[in-house]
Amino acid sequence: MILLPLVLLYLPSNFFDTGESMCLSVVLLGKTCPGCGLTRATQHLLHLDWMGAAKFNKLVFIVVPILIYFYIKQLLVYWQKWKEPSNEGK
């Protein structure tokens, strides 16, 4: 869980820009959905490419902060569990 953001930061911002779409709406129906381009937009936003992110999907400016909030919240839960002494053996 900790490594995923680091891997995404290591990859270039245009890593996901090419290739076939994996969106079921595009693959099955040939139509884009509101979430189309969010992966590419997120990758550009992580590299502080604001215009590139907006080009792929403007919802990224709402989705990424929410994802960061939940990511940090879950990290804190794991941290608290790790810091608690084990009650096993008592």
Protein backbone atom coordinates (compact mmCIF):
# COMPACT_ATOMS: atom_id res chain seq x y z
CA MET A 1 0.00 0.00 0.00
CA ILE A 2 2.88 2.34 0.71
CA LEU A 3 4.73 1.50 -2.49
CA LEU A 4 1.93 2.23 -5.00
CA PRO A 5 2.20 6.06 -4.85
CA LEU A 6 5.98 5.79 -5.02
CA VAL A 7 5.79 3.59 -8.11
CA LEU A 8 3.35 6.01 -9.75
CA LEU A 9 5.69 8.91 -8.98
CA TYR A 10 8.62 6.97 -10.45
CA LEU A 11 6.79 6.30 -13.73
CA PRO A 12 6.74 9.17 -16.23
CA SER A 13 3.58 11.27 -16.36
CA ASN A 14 2.74 10.03 -19.87
CA PHE A 15 3.14 6.32 -19.00
CA PHE A 16 -0.59 5.55 -19.36
CA ASP A 17 -1.29 7.99 -22.22
CA THR A 18 -1.13 5.38 -25.00
CA GLY A 19 -2.72 2.01 -25.52
CA GLU A 20 -6.19 0.59 -25.66
CA SER A 21 -8.85 1.72 -23.20
CA MET A 22 -9.75 -0.72 -20.45
CA CYS A 23 -13.04 1.02 -19.65
CA LEU A 24 -15.96 -1.40 -20.06
CA SER A 25 -18.15 1.39 -21.40
CA VAL A 26 -15.67 2.07 -24.21
CA VAL A 27 -14.88 -1.58 -24.89
CA LEU A 28 -18.47 -2.86 -24.89
CA LEU A 29 -20.52 0.16 -25.95
CA GLY A 30 -18.01 2.38 -27.71
CA LYS A 31 -18.98 5.33 -25.49
CA THR A 32 -16.99 7.15 -22.84
CA CYS A 33 -18.16 7.34 -19.24
CA PRO A 34 -17.60 10.07 -16.61
CA GLY A 35 -14.61 8.14 -15.25
CA CYS A 36 -12.83 7.76 -18.59
CA GLY A 37 -9.35 9.24 -18.43
CA LEU A 38 -9.13 9.34 -14.62
CA THR A 39 -6.09 7.04 -14.49
CA ARG A 40 -4.20 9.16 -17.00
CA ALA A 41 -5.37 12.37 -15.34
CA THR A 42 -4.28 11.10 -11.93
CA GLN A 43 -0.84 10.21 -13.24
CA HIS A 44 -0.44 13.70 -14.70
CA LEU A 45 -1.71 15.33 -11.49
CA LEU A 46 0.76 13.33 -9.36
CA HIS A 47 3.51 14.86 -11.51
CA LEU A 48 1.97 18.33 -11.02
CA ASP A 49 0.94 18.58 -14.67
CA TRP A 50 -2.28 20.48 -14.00
CA MET A 51 -3.15 21.14 -17.64
CA GLY A 52 -2.45 17.56 -18.70
CA ALA A 53 -4.65 16.27 -15.88
CA ALA A 54 -7.48 18.62 -16.84
CA LYS A 55 -7.19 17.54 -20.46
CA PHE A 56 -7.92 13.90 -19.61
CA ASN A 57 -10.65 14.37 -16.97
CA LYS A 58 -11.53 17.42 -14.88
CA LEU A 59 -13.05 15.22 -12.17
CA VAL A 60 -9.49 14.37 -11.14
CA PHE A 61 -9.41 17.55 -9.05
CA ILE A 62 -12.22 16.13 -6.91
CA VAL A 63 -11.32 12.43 -6.99
CA VAL A 64 -7.61 12.64 -6.15
CA PRO A 65 -8.02 14.69 -2.94
CA ILE A 66 -10.68 12.21 -1.79
CA LEU A 67 -8.36 9.30 -2.60
CA ILE A 68 -5.51 10.97 -0.71
CA TYR A 69 -7.77 11.47 2.31
CA PHE A 70 -8.79 7.79 2.39
CA TYR A 71 -5.21 6.68 1.75
CA ILE A 72 -3.88 8.67 4.72
CA LYS A 73 -6.79 7.56 6.89
CA GLN A 74 -6.05 3.89 6.14
CA LEU A 75 -2.32 4.39 6.75
CA LEU A 76 -3.14 5.82 10.17
CA VAL A 77 -5.31 2.78 10.96
CA TYR A 78 -2.45 0.45 10.02
CA TRP A 79 -0.02 2.54 12.05
CA GLN A 80 -2.23 2.38 15.15
CA LYS A 81 -2.61 -1.39 14.83
CA TRP A 82 1.14 -1.78 14.43
CA LYS A 83 1.89 0.38 17.49
CA GLU A 84 -0.56 -1.46 19.77
CA PRO A 85 1.07 -4.16 21.87
CA SER A 86 -0.14 -7.61 21.06
CA ASN A 87 -2.58 -9.13 23.57
CA GLU A 88 -1.59 -12.66 22.57
CA GLY A 89 -0.24 -14.89 25.28
CA LYS A 90 -2.06 -13.21 28.17
